[in-house]
Amino acid sequence: MKTKISVYIATSLDGFIARADGGMDWLEHDAGDDDYGFAEFMASVDTVVMGRLTYEFVVSTGLWPYEGKRMVVMSSTLGADDAAPHLAGKVEFLAMEPLELAAKLAGEGAKHVYIDGGLTIQRFLRERLIDELILSRMPVLLGSGVPLFGELDRDVLLRHVETQGFASGLVQSRYAAVR
């Protein structure tokens, strides 16, 4: 069975995943009890791969929604000694290219990998490793910030699977990679 690699991420309506200073306060809105399918998505995931900046942001929030998942942080500057104290032994730090990491995870039995973090997502997209993209567009325009998508050397073709609107104004679309 092939390892499935997915992205599940929120952006502003104009395509930013954070403010220029890294702030993500714009994500806070009245969603009620709706998690927009995140718990169901996470239940299908066995491995999470994120970049250093995303890891540092998540650790700074004090939240850790990845309990029970294999966690890999792609970083050439952080190592096991840099794990937050409460995450010691729960996080792997690897300095690998996406193709190499994807092969390693598949070889070790990963079935569904969740890629998180703007630069990490861009790197996996450039290598055509993303199978599924779940994109939640928040009803806010930021005007500038950290873009989700970056430069590509060729088109990444996607097939629209479904789109769902929520009472909060969030619109979530699911795409499958066209191979």
C-alpha atoms as a PDB file:
ATOM      1  CA  MET A   1       0.000   0.000   0.000  1.00  0.00           C
ATOM      2  CA  LYS A   2       1.354   3.418  -0.982  1.00  0.00           C
ATOM      3  CA  THR A   3       1.889   6.034   1.691  1.00  0.00           C
ATOM      4  CA  LYS A   4      -0.670   8.832   1.373  1.00  0.00           C
ATOM      5  CA  ILE A   5       0.709  12.356   1.895  1.00  0.00           C
ATOM      6  CA  SER A   6      -1.790  15.093   2.752  1.00  0.00           C
ATOM      7  CA  VAL A   7      -1.909  18.777   3.566  1.00  0.00           C
ATOM      8  CA  TYR A   8      -4.621  20.220   5.827  1.00  0.00           C
ATOM      9  CA  ILE A   9      -4.194  23.968   6.256  1.00  0.00           C
ATOM     10  CA  ALA A  10      -6.044  27.252   6.615  1.00  0.00           C
ATOM     11  CA  THR A  11      -5.300  30.392   4.635  1.00  0.00           C
ATOM     12  CA  SER A  12      -6.679  33.877   4.476  1.00  0.00           C
ATOM     13  CA  LEU A  13      -8.866  34.484   1.455  1.00  0.00           C
ATOM     14  CA  ASP A  14      -5.854  36.100  -0.230  1.00  0.00           C
ATOM     15  CA  GLY A  15      -3.650  33.037   0.331  1.00  0.00           C
ATOM     16  CA  PHE A  16      -1.579  33.811   3.429  1.00  0.00           C
ATOM     17  CA  ILE A  17      -0.972  31.322   6.252  1.00  0.00           C
ATOM     18  CA  ALA A  18       0.462  33.874   8.688  1.00  0.00           C
ATOM     19  CA  ARG A  19       1.085  37.573   9.027  1.00  0.00           C
ATOM     20  CA  ALA A  20       4.538  38.836   7.994  1.00  0.00           C
ATOM     21  CA  ASP A  21       5.589  38.656  11.679  1.00  0.00           C
ATOM     22  CA  GLY A  22       4.317  35.062  11.926  1.00  0.00           C
ATOM     23  CA  GLY A  23       1.132  36.065  13.744  1.00  0.00           C
ATOM     24  CA  MET A  24      -1.894  33.852  13.284  1.00  0.00           C
ATOM     25  CA  ASP A  25      -4.428  35.714  15.422  1.00  0.00           C
ATOM     26  CA  TRP A  26      -6.665  36.030  12.353  1.00  0.00           C
ATOM     27  CA  LEU A  27      -7.438  32.298  12.675  1.00  0.00           C
ATOM     28  CA  GLU A  28      -9.332  32.943  15.878  1.00  0.00           C
ATOM     29  CA  HIS A  29     -12.999  33.241  15.116  1.00  0.00           C
ATOM     30  CA  ASP A  30     -16.313  31.918  16.380  1.00  0.00           C
ATOM     31  CA  ALA A  31     -16.461  28.378  15.019  1.00  0.00           C
ATOM     32  CA  GLY A  32     -18.653  27.101  17.832  1.00  0.00           C
ATOM     33  CA  ASP A  33     -17.970  23.403  18.297  1.00  0.00           C
ATOM     34  CA  ASP A  34     -17.002  22.857  14.648  1.00  0.00           C
ATOM     35  CA  ASP A  35     -13.438  21.690  14.048  1.00  0.00           C
ATOM     36  CA  TYR A  36     -14.005  21.597  10.264  1.00  0.00           C
ATOM     37  CA  GLY A  37     -13.169  17.898  10.080  1.00  0.00           C
ATOM     38  CA  PHE A  38      -9.726  18.221  11.677  1.00  0.00           C
ATOM     39  CA  ALA A  39     -10.297  15.496  14.315  1.00  0.00           C
ATOM     40  CA  GLU A  40     -11.530  13.080  11.655  1.00  0.00           C
ATOM     41  CA  PHE A  41      -8.551  13.944   9.454  1.00  0.00           C
ATOM     42  CA  MET A  42      -6.090  13.484  12.330  1.00  0.00           C
ATOM     43  CA  ALA A  43      -7.646  10.117  13.199  1.00  0.00           C
ATOM     44  CA  SER A  44      -6.584   8.912   9.723  1.00  0.00           C
ATOM     45  CA  VAL A  45      -2.989  10.163  10.119  1.00  0.00           C
ATOM     46  CA  ASP A  46      -0.159   8.139  11.651  1.00  0.00           C
ATOM     47  CA  THR A  47       2.759  10.503  10.933  1.00  0.00           C
ATOM     48  CA  VAL A  48       3.112  14.296  11.039  1.00  0.00           C
ATOM     49  CA  VAL A  49       5.933  16.114   9.232  1.00  0.00           C
ATOM     50  CA  MET A  50       6.449  19.810   9.847  1.00  0.00           C
ATOM     51  CA  GLY A  51       9.165  22.375   9.420  1.00  0.00           C
ATOM     52  CA  ARG A  52      11.147  24.010  12.192  1.00  0.00           C
ATOM     53  CA  LEU A  53       9.221  27.293  12.169  1.00  0.00           C
ATOM     54  CA  THR A  54       5.875  25.514  12.451  1.00  0.00           C
ATOM     55  CA  TYR A  55       7.217  23.290  15.234  1.00  0.00           C
ATOM     56  CA  GLU A  56       8.465  26.336  17.148  1.00  0.00           C
ATOM     57  CA  PHE A  57       5.110  28.085  16.685  1.00  0.00           C
ATOM     58  CA  VAL A  58       3.104  25.063  17.856  1.00  0.00           C
ATOM     59  CA  VAL A  59       5.351  24.566  20.891  1.00  0.00           C
ATOM     60  CA  SER A  60       4.907  28.264  21.787  1.00  0.00           C
ATOM     61  CA  THR A  61       1.115  27.814  21.961  1.00  0.00           C
ATOM     62  CA  GLY A  62       1.382  25.207  24.697  1.00  0.00           C
ATOM     63  CA  LEU A  63      -0.975  22.966  22.706  1.00  0.00           C
ATOM     64  CA  TRP A  64       0.058  19.616  21.227  1.00  0.00           C
ATOM     65  CA  PRO A  65      -2.721  18.139  19.054  1.00  0.00           C
ATOM     66  CA  TYR A  66      -0.419  15.380  17.752  1.00  0.00           C
ATOM     67  CA  GLU A  67      -0.347  13.019  20.733  1.00  0.00           C
ATOM     68  CA  GLY A  68       0.009   9.420  19.598  1.00  0.00           C
ATOM     69  CA  LYS A  69       1.352  10.376  16.177  1.00  0.00           C
ATOM     70  CA  ARG A  70       4.892   9.950  14.948  1.00  0.00           C
ATOM     71  CA  MET A  71       6.263  13.498  14.745  1.00  0.00           C
ATOM     72  CA  VAL A  72       9.080  14.448  12.378  1.00  0.00           C
ATOM     73  CA  VAL A  73      10.461  17.979  12.260  1.00  0.00           C
ATOM     74  CA  MET A  74      12.433  18.788   9.125  1.00  0.00           C
ATOM     75  CA  SER A  75      15.346  20.891  10.297  1.00  0.00           C
ATOM     76  CA  SER A  76      19.023  21.256   9.570  1.00  0.00           C
ATOM     77  CA  THR A  77      19.542  23.294  12.749  1.00  0.00           C
ATOM     78  CA  LEU A  78      17.575  21.465  15.469  1.00  0.00           C
ATOM     79  CA  GLY A  79      18.336  18.074  17.006  1.00  0.00           C
ATOM     80  CA  ALA A  80      16.924  15.771  19.686  1.00  0.00           C
ATOM     81  CA  ASP A  81      18.412  17.963  22.430  1.00  0.00           C
ATOM     82  CA  ASP A  82      16.329  20.886  21.150  1.00  0.00           C
ATOM     83  CA  ALA A  83      12.964  19.215  21.785  1.00  0.00           C
ATOM     84  CA  ALA A  84      10.696  21.063  24.164  1.00  0.00           C
ATOM     85  CA  PRO A  85      11.017  19.358  27.590  1.00  0.00           C
ATOM     86  CA  HIS A  86       7.472  17.954  27.484  1.00  0.00           C
ATOM     87  CA  LEU A  87       8.165  16.507  24.013  1.00  0.00           C
ATOM     88  CA  ALA A  88      11.496  14.810  24.697  1.00  0.00           C
ATOM     89  CA  GLY A  89      11.468  11.425  22.983  1.00  0.00           C
ATOM     90  CA  LYS A  90       8.258  12.256  21.094  1.00  0.00           C
ATOM     91  CA  VAL A  91       9.791  14.295  18.253  1.00  0.00           C
ATOM     92  CA  GLU A  92      12.361  13.332  15.621  1.00  0.00           C
ATOM     93  CA  PHE A  93      14.477  16.040  13.987  1.00  0.00           C
ATOM     94  CA  LEU A  94      15.680  15.078  10.517  1.00  0.00           C
ATOM     95  CA  ALA A  95      17.706  17.034   7.972  1.00  0.00           C
ATOM     96  CA  MET A  96      16.470  15.274   4.841  1.00  0.00           C
ATOM     97  CA  GLU A  97      15.124  16.284   1.460  1.00  0.00           C
ATOM     98  CA  PRO A  98      11.405  15.567   0.889  1.00  0.00           C
ATOM     99  CA  LEU A  99      11.982  12.662  -1.541  1.00  0.00           C
ATOM    100  CA  GLU A 100      14.408  11.011   0.864  1.00  0.00           C
ATOM    101  CA  LEU A 101      12.098  11.538   3.849  1.00  0.00           C
ATOM    102  CA  ALA A 102       9.016  10.265   1.995  1.00  0.00           C
ATOM    103  CA  ALA A 103      10.913   7.105   1.004  1.00  0.00           C
ATOM    104  CA  LYS A 104      12.142   6.623   4.590  1.00  0.00           C
ATOM    105  CA  LEU A 105       8.646   6.999   6.050  1.00  0.00           C
ATOM    106  CA  ALA A 106       7.122   4.649   3.467  1.00  0.00           C
ATOM    107  CA  GLY A 107       9.862   2.097   4.136  1.00  0.00           C
ATOM    108  CA  GLU A 108       9.105   2.293   7.852  1.00  0.00           C
ATOM    109  CA  GLY A 109       5.396   1.621   7.302  1.00  0.00           C
ATOM    110  CA  ALA A 110       3.810   5.074   7.371  1.00  0.00           C
ATOM    111  CA  LYS A 111       0.348   4.887   5.850  1.00  0.00           C
ATOM    112  CA  HIS A 112      -0.903   8.507   6.033  1.00  0.00           C
ATOM    113  CA  VAL A 113       1.461  11.457   6.458  1.00  0.00           C
ATOM    114  CA  TYR A 114       0.264  14.971   7.295  1.00  0.00           C
ATOM    115  CA  ILE A 115       2.567  17.751   6.031  1.00  0.00           C
ATOM    116  CA  ASP A 116       2.345  21.056   7.902  1.00  0.00           C
ATOM    117  CA  GLY A 117       4.158  24.374   7.572  1.00  0.00           C
ATOM    118  CA  GLY A 118       4.393  26.702   4.593  1.00  0.00           C
ATOM    119  CA  LEU A 119       7.959  26.034   3.449  1.00  0.00           C
ATOM    120  CA  THR A 120       7.653  22.302   4.084  1.00  0.00           C
ATOM    121  CA  ILE A 121       4.425  22.129   2.087  1.00  0.00           C
ATOM    122  CA  GLN A 122       6.070  24.077  -0.749  1.00  0.00           C
ATOM    123  CA  ARG A 123       9.047  21.689  -0.777  1.00  0.00           C
ATOM    124  CA  PHE A 124       6.783  18.604  -0.918  1.00  0.00           C
ATOM    125  CA  LEU A 125       4.647  20.194  -3.664  1.00  0.00           C
ATOM    126  CA  ARG A 126       7.749  20.941  -5.766  1.00  0.00           C
ATOM    127  CA  GLU A 127       8.682  17.265  -5.571  1.00  0.00           C
ATOM    128  CA  ARG A 128       5.135  16.189  -6.528  1.00  0.00           C
ATOM    129  CA  LEU A 129       4.761  14.246  -3.261  1.00  0.00           C
ATOM    130  CA  ILE A 130       1.396  15.640  -2.095  1.00  0.00           C
ATOM    131  CA  ASP A 131      -1.568  13.336  -2.804  1.00  0.00           C
ATOM    132  CA  GLU A 132      -4.298  15.403  -1.157  1.00  0.00           C
ATOM    133  CA  LEU A 133      -4.684  19.075  -0.308  1.00  0.00           C
ATOM    134  CA  ILE A 134      -7.403  20.187   2.117  1.00  0.00           C
ATOM    135  CA  LEU A 135      -7.513  23.955   2.035  1.00  0.00           C
ATOM    136  CA  SER A 136      -9.685  25.980   4.426  1.00  0.00           C
ATOM    137  CA  ARG A 137     -10.116  29.592   3.336  1.00  0.00           C
ATOM    138  CA  MET A 138     -10.931  31.956   6.173  1.00  0.00           C
ATOM    139  CA  PRO A 139     -13.171  34.957   5.468  1.00  0.00           C
ATOM    140  CA  VAL A 140     -10.428  37.541   6.020  1.00  0.00           C
ATOM    141  CA  LEU A 141      -8.047  39.472   3.760  1.00  0.00           C
ATOM    142  CA  LEU A 142      -4.590  40.128   5.215  1.00  0.00           C
ATOM    143  CA  GLY A 143      -3.045  41.986   2.288  1.00  0.00           C
ATOM    144  CA  SER A 144       0.419  40.608   3.022  1.00  0.00           C
ATOM    145  CA  GLY A 145       2.115  37.897   5.000  1.00  0.00           C
ATOM    146  CA  VAL A 146       3.524  34.410   4.572  1.00  0.00           C
ATOM    147  CA  PRO A 147       2.091  32.842   1.412  1.00  0.00           C
ATOM    148  CA  LEU A 148       1.045  29.199   1.335  1.00  0.00           C
ATOM    149  CA  PHE A 149       2.296  28.620  -2.171  1.00  0.00           C
ATOM    150  CA  GLY A 150       5.689  29.501  -3.611  1.00  0.00           C
ATOM    151  CA  GLU A 151       7.469  29.244  -6.919  1.00  0.00           C
ATOM    152  CA  LEU A 152       7.254  26.012  -8.865  1.00  0.00           C
ATOM    153  CA  ASP A 153       9.339  24.755 -11.767  1.00  0.00           C
ATOM    154  CA  ARG A 154       6.193  23.320 -13.406  1.00  0.00           C
ATOM    155  CA  ASP A 155       2.454  23.213 -12.839  1.00  0.00           C
ATOM    156  CA  VAL A 156       0.992  21.039 -10.093  1.00  0.00           C
ATOM    157  CA  LEU A 157      -2.306  19.777 -11.422  1.00  0.00           C
ATOM    158  CA  LEU A 158      -5.092  19.163  -8.941  1.00  0.00           C
ATOM    159  CA  ARG A 159      -8.549  17.616  -9.281  1.00  0.00           C
ATOM    160  CA  HIS A 160     -11.334  19.206  -7.253  1.00  0.00           C
ATOM    161  CA  VAL A 161     -12.954  16.589  -5.014  1.00  0.00           C
ATOM    162  CA  GLU A 162     -15.383  18.654  -2.947  1.00  0.00           C
ATOM    163  CA  THR A 163     -16.048  22.043  -1.397  1.00  0.00           C
ATOM    164  CA  GLN A 164     -18.024  22.733   1.739  1.00  0.00           C
ATOM    165  CA  GLY A 165     -19.108  26.049   3.216  1.00  0.00           C
ATOM    166  CA  PHE A 166     -19.598  26.595   6.952  1.00  0.00           C
ATOM    167  CA  ALA A 167     -21.774  29.036   8.883  1.00  0.00           C
ATOM    168  CA  SER A 168     -18.625  30.814  10.141  1.00  0.00           C
ATOM    169  CA  GLY A 169     -17.823  31.807   6.537  1.00  0.00           C
ATOM    170  CA  LEU A 170     -14.954  29.323   6.206  1.00  0.00           C
ATOM    171  CA  VAL A 171     -14.894  27.519   2.859  1.00  0.00           C
ATOM    172  CA  GLN A 172     -13.039  24.215   2.722  1.00  0.00           C
ATOM    173  CA  SER A 173     -11.980  22.547  -0.517  1.00  0.00           C
ATOM    174  CA  ARG A 174     -10.411  19.154  -0.997  1.00  0.00           C
ATOM    175  CA  TYR A 175      -8.175  18.446  -3.989  1.00  0.00           C
ATOM    176  CA  ALA A 176      -6.421  15.323  -5.221  1.00  0.00           C
ATOM    177  CA  ALA A 177      -3.134  15.461  -7.088  1.00  0.00           C
ATOM    178  CA  VAL A 178      -3.322  14.551 -10.761  1.00  0.00           C
ATOM    179  CA  ARG A 179      -0.450  12.214 -11.619  1.00  0.00           C
END
